[in-house]
C-alpha atoms as a PDB file:
ATOM      1  CA  UNK A   1      22.885   2.566   3.840  1.00  0.00           C
ATOM      2  CA  UNK A   2      22.373   2.467   0.209  1.00  0.00           C
ATOM      3  CA  UNK A   3      25.852   2.807  -0.134  1.00  0.00           C
ATOM      4  CA  UNK A   4      26.410  -0.487   1.442  1.00  0.00           C
ATOM      5  CA  UNK A   5      23.710  -2.217  -0.465  1.00  0.00           C
ATOM      6  CA  UNK A   6      25.252  -0.486  -3.794  1.00  0.00           C
ATOM      7  CA  UNK A   7      28.629  -1.830  -2.304  1.00  0.00           C
ATOM      8  CA  UNK A   8      27.397  -5.413  -1.933  1.00  0.00           C
ATOM      9  CA  UNK A   9      26.138  -5.232  -5.658  1.00  0.00           C
ATOM     10  CA  UNK A  10      28.959  -4.014  -6.932  1.00  0.00           C
ATOM     11  CA  UNK A  11      30.976  -6.815  -5.430  1.00  0.00           C
ATOM     12  CA  UNK A  12      28.769  -9.155  -6.494  1.00  0.00           C
ATOM     13  CA  UNK A  13      30.919 -12.038  -8.167  1.00  0.00           C
ATOM     14  CA  UNK A  14      28.374 -12.633 -11.281  1.00  0.00           C
ATOM     15  CA  UNK A  15      26.878 -10.370 -14.042  1.00  0.00           C
ATOM     16  CA  UNK A  16      23.751  -8.963 -12.891  1.00  0.00           C
ATOM     17  CA  UNK A  17      22.540  -8.396 -16.717  1.00  0.00           C
ATOM     18  CA  UNK A  18      20.481  -5.290 -17.718  1.00  0.00           C
ATOM     19  CA  UNK A  19      19.153  -4.358 -13.973  1.00  0.00           C
ATOM     20  CA  UNK A  20      19.913  -0.924 -13.283  1.00  0.00           C
ATOM     21  CA  UNK A  21      22.119  -1.514  -9.830  1.00  0.00           C
ATOM     22  CA  UNK A  22      21.550   2.213  -8.345  1.00  0.00           C
ATOM     23  CA  UNK A  23      17.678   1.960  -8.917  1.00  0.00           C
ATOM     24  CA  UNK A  24      18.198  -1.810  -7.782  1.00  0.00           C
ATOM     25  CA  UNK A  25      20.020  -0.416  -4.470  1.00  0.00           C
ATOM     26  CA  UNK A  26      17.684   2.510  -3.709  1.00  0.00           C
ATOM     27  CA  UNK A  27      14.636   0.295  -4.014  1.00  0.00           C
ATOM     28  CA  UNK A  28      16.221  -2.485  -1.799  1.00  0.00           C
ATOM     29  CA  UNK A  29      17.034   0.571   0.767  1.00  0.00           C
ATOM     30  CA  UNK A  30      13.766   2.129   0.694  1.00  0.00           C
ATOM     31  CA  UNK A  31      11.934  -1.306   1.201  1.00  0.00           C
ATOM     32  CA  UNK A  32      14.037  -1.626   4.611  1.00  0.00           C
ATOM     33  CA  UNK A  33      13.415   1.725   5.362  1.00  0.00           C
ATOM     34  CA  UNK A  34       9.672   1.468   4.973  1.00  0.00           C
ATOM     35  CA  UNK A  35       9.336  -1.505   6.749  1.00  0.00           C
ATOM     36  CA  UNK A  36      11.305  -0.343   9.507  1.00  0.00           C
ATOM     37  CA  UNK A  37       9.080   3.249   9.732  1.00  0.00           C
ATOM     38  CA  UNK A  38       5.952   1.148   9.189  1.00  0.00           C
ATOM     39  CA  UNK A  39       7.018  -1.026  12.193  1.00  0.00           C
ATOM     40  CA  UNK A  40       7.544   1.845  14.676  1.00  0.00           C
ATOM     41  CA  UNK A  41       4.747   3.662  13.343  1.00  0.00           C
ATOM     42  CA  UNK A  42       2.426   0.848  14.146  1.00  0.00           C
ATOM     43  CA  UNK A  43       4.137   1.011  17.747  1.00  0.00           C
ATOM     44  CA  UNK A  44       3.513   4.430  18.305  1.00  0.00           C
ATOM     45  CA  UNK A  45      -0.150   4.197  17.293  1.00  0.00           C
ATOM     46  CA  UNK A  46      -0.620   1.658  20.194  1.00  0.00           C
ATOM     47  CA  UNK A  47       0.713   3.975  22.772  1.00  0.00           C
ATOM     48  CA  UNK A  48      -1.563   6.782  21.525  1.00  0.00           C
ATOM     49  CA  UNK A  49      -4.969   7.690  23.712  1.00  0.00           C
ATOM     50  CA  UNK A  50      -6.880   6.861  20.582  1.00  0.00           C
ATOM     51  CA  UNK A  51      -5.580   3.436  19.802  1.00  0.00           C
ATOM     52  CA  UNK A  52      -8.868   2.262  18.587  1.00  0.00           C
ATOM     53  CA  UNK A  53      -9.472   5.059  16.095  1.00  0.00           C
ATOM     54  CA  UNK A  54      -5.777   3.773  14.807  1.00  0.00           C
ATOM     55  CA  UNK A  55      -7.101   0.229  13.941  1.00  0.00           C
ATOM     56  CA  UNK A  56      -6.929   0.185  10.566  1.00  0.00           C
ATOM     57  CA  UNK A  57      -3.569   2.150  10.182  1.00  0.00           C
ATOM     58  CA  UNK A  58      -1.764  -0.605  12.854  1.00  0.00           C
ATOM     59  CA  UNK A  59      -3.145  -3.310  10.553  1.00  0.00           C
ATOM     60  CA  UNK A  60      -1.702  -1.352   7.302  1.00  0.00           C
ATOM     61  CA  UNK A  61       1.171  -0.231   9.144  1.00  0.00           C
ATOM     62  CA  UNK A  62       2.073  -4.147  10.106  1.00  0.00           C
ATOM     63  CA  UNK A  63       0.906  -5.580   6.480  1.00  0.00           C
ATOM     64  CA  UNK A  64       3.469  -3.066   4.588  1.00  0.00           C
ATOM     65  CA  UNK A  65       6.140  -3.581   7.128  1.00  0.00           C
ATOM     66  CA  UNK A  66       5.782  -7.176   6.257  1.00  0.00           C
ATOM     67  CA  UNK A  67       5.827  -6.954   2.544  1.00  0.00           C
ATOM     68  CA  UNK A  68       8.544  -4.343   1.965  1.00  0.00           C
ATOM     69  CA  UNK A  69      10.717  -6.358   4.258  1.00  0.00           C
ATOM     70  CA  UNK A  70       9.793  -9.309   2.047  1.00  0.00           C
ATOM     71  CA  UNK A  71      10.317  -7.547  -1.050  1.00  0.00           C
ATOM     72  CA  UNK A  72      13.797  -6.353   0.044  1.00  0.00           C
ATOM     73  CA  UNK A  73      15.150  -9.458   1.023  1.00  0.00           C
ATOM     74  CA  UNK A  74      14.061 -10.922  -2.583  1.00  0.00           C
ATOM     75  CA  UNK A  75      15.557  -8.139  -4.074  1.00  0.00           C
ATOM     76  CA  UNK A  76      18.714  -8.574  -2.487  1.00  0.00           C
ATOM     77  CA  UNK A  77      19.171 -12.229  -3.883  1.00  0.00           C
ATOM     78  CA  UNK A  78      20.741 -11.987  -7.033  1.00  0.00           C
ATOM     79  CA  UNK A  79      21.581 -15.320  -7.732  1.00  0.00           C
ATOM     80  CA  UNK A  80      19.060 -17.286  -9.861  1.00  0.00           C
ATOM     81  CA  UNK A  81      16.574 -14.026 -10.170  1.00  0.00           C
ATOM     82  CA  UNK A  82      13.333 -14.757 -11.301  1.00  0.00           C
ATOM     83  CA  UNK A  83      12.327 -11.531 -12.679  1.00  0.00           C
ATOM     84  CA  UNK A  84       8.649 -12.634 -12.876  1.00  0.00           C
ATOM     85  CA  UNK A  85       8.848 -13.054  -9.188  1.00  0.00           C
ATOM     86  CA  UNK A  86      10.436  -9.623  -8.705  1.00  0.00           C
ATOM     87  CA  UNK A  87       7.830  -7.593 -10.864  1.00  0.00           C
ATOM     88  CA  UNK A  88       4.741  -9.247  -8.564  1.00  0.00           C
ATOM     89  CA  UNK A  89       6.869  -8.230  -5.531  1.00  0.00           C
ATOM     90  CA  UNK A  90       7.445  -4.725  -6.909  1.00  0.00           C
ATOM     91  CA  UNK A  91       3.703  -4.107  -7.407  1.00  0.00           C
ATOM     92  CA  UNK A  92       2.386  -5.883  -4.196  1.00  0.00           C
ATOM     93  CA  UNK A  93       5.036  -3.771  -2.528  1.00  0.00           C
ATOM     94  CA  UNK A  94       3.737  -0.324  -4.259  1.00  0.00           C
ATOM     95  CA  UNK A  95      -0.035  -1.269  -3.455  1.00  0.00           C
ATOM     96  CA  UNK A  96       1.074  -1.810   0.453  1.00  0.00           C
ATOM     97  CA  UNK A  97       2.579   1.167   0.406  1.00  0.00           C
ATOM     98  CA  UNK A  98       0.297   3.526  -1.190  1.00  0.00           C
ATOM     99  CA  UNK A  99      -2.342   1.995   0.818  1.00  0.00           C
ATOM    100  CA  UNK A 100      -0.517   2.299   4.147  1.00  0.00           C
ATOM    101  CA  UNK A 101       0.698   5.902   3.141  1.00  0.00           C
ATOM    102  CA  UNK A 102      -3.083   6.787   2.265  1.00  0.00           C
ATOM    103  CA  UNK A 103      -4.172   5.612   5.530  1.00  0.00           C
ATOM    104  CA  UNK A 104      -1.507   7.194   7.774  1.00  0.00           C
ATOM    105  CA  UNK A 105      -2.119  10.676   5.487  1.00  0.00           C
ATOM    106  CA  UNK A 106      -5.782  10.852   6.989  1.00  0.00           C
ATOM    107  CA  UNK A 107      -4.034  10.816  10.690  1.00  0.00           C
ATOM    108  CA  UNK A 108      -1.126  12.579   9.543  1.00  0.00           C
ATOM    109  CA  UNK A 109      -1.859  16.190  11.329  1.00  0.00           C
ATOM    110  CA  UNK A 110      -2.672  14.360  14.673  1.00  0.00           C
ATOM    111  CA  UNK A 111       0.118  12.422  14.723  1.00  0.00           C
ATOM    112  CA  UNK A 112       3.585  12.956  13.474  1.00  0.00           C
ATOM    113  CA  UNK A 113       4.606   9.548  13.368  1.00  0.00           C
ATOM    114  CA  UNK A 114       1.895   8.769  10.777  1.00  0.00           C
ATOM    115  CA  UNK A 115       2.973  11.965   8.397  1.00  0.00           C
ATOM    116  CA  UNK A 116       6.833  10.402   8.756  1.00  0.00           C
ATOM    117  CA  UNK A 117       5.291   6.732   7.963  1.00  0.00           C
ATOM    118  CA  UNK A 118       3.346   8.386   4.538  1.00  0.00           C
ATOM    119  CA  UNK A 119       6.501   9.627   3.847  1.00  0.00           C
ATOM    120  CA  UNK A 120       8.562   6.635   3.902  1.00  0.00           C
ATOM    121  CA  UNK A 121       5.619   4.838   2.246  1.00  0.00           C
ATOM    122  CA  UNK A 122       5.760   7.013  -0.531  1.00  0.00           C
ATOM    123  CA  UNK A 123       9.251   7.182  -1.402  1.00  0.00           C
ATOM    124  CA  UNK A 124       9.284   3.118  -1.562  1.00  0.00           C
ATOM    125  CA  UNK A 125       6.421   3.326  -3.819  1.00  0.00           C
ATOM    126  CA  UNK A 126       8.025   5.464  -6.101  1.00  0.00           C
ATOM    127  CA  UNK A 127      11.031   3.400  -5.563  1.00  0.00           C
ATOM    128  CA  UNK A 128       9.399   0.567  -6.623  1.00  0.00           C
ATOM    129  CA  UNK A 129       7.673   2.015  -9.532  1.00  0.00           C
ATOM    130  CA  UNK A 130      11.263   3.228 -10.751  1.00  0.00           C
ATOM    131  CA  UNK A 131      13.137  -0.716 -10.478  1.00  0.00           C
ATOM    132  CA  UNK A 132      10.075  -1.922 -12.395  1.00  0.00           C
ATOM    133  CA  UNK A 133      10.312   0.799 -15.184  1.00  0.00           C
ATOM    134  CA  UNK A 134      13.552  -0.100 -15.198  1.00  0.00           C
ATOM    135  CA  UNK A 135      12.903  -4.048 -15.864  1.00  0.00           C
ATOM    136  CA  UNK A 136      10.734  -3.193 -19.181  1.00  0.00           C
END
């Protein structure tokens, strides 16, 4: 999928400035992948017999999915980019991903879906950090 995101950025009719297109494409894709994975993990948690023990995990999955989806959508729009907003969103997304990953890691030994979700969150957290670092 990164190929499609990268292709869209390459075909953008205006100059994107100094932004690292590869890091931007990787971050957009990581955000959308994390949003999908967190949504699926929350649903899988709801199907577990121990659902009451997973309430916080479900909540953080849903929060992370929403933050990642919003971040991916905003980063996908390059016309009139607001770099300050992008920085705040990237920091917020990193925080949401870190928090969700930490919670999922608590359940990873018992629930494979939580392990998979934590991995997606960590990838997204890193992609946001990499893009943020390239903006300075």
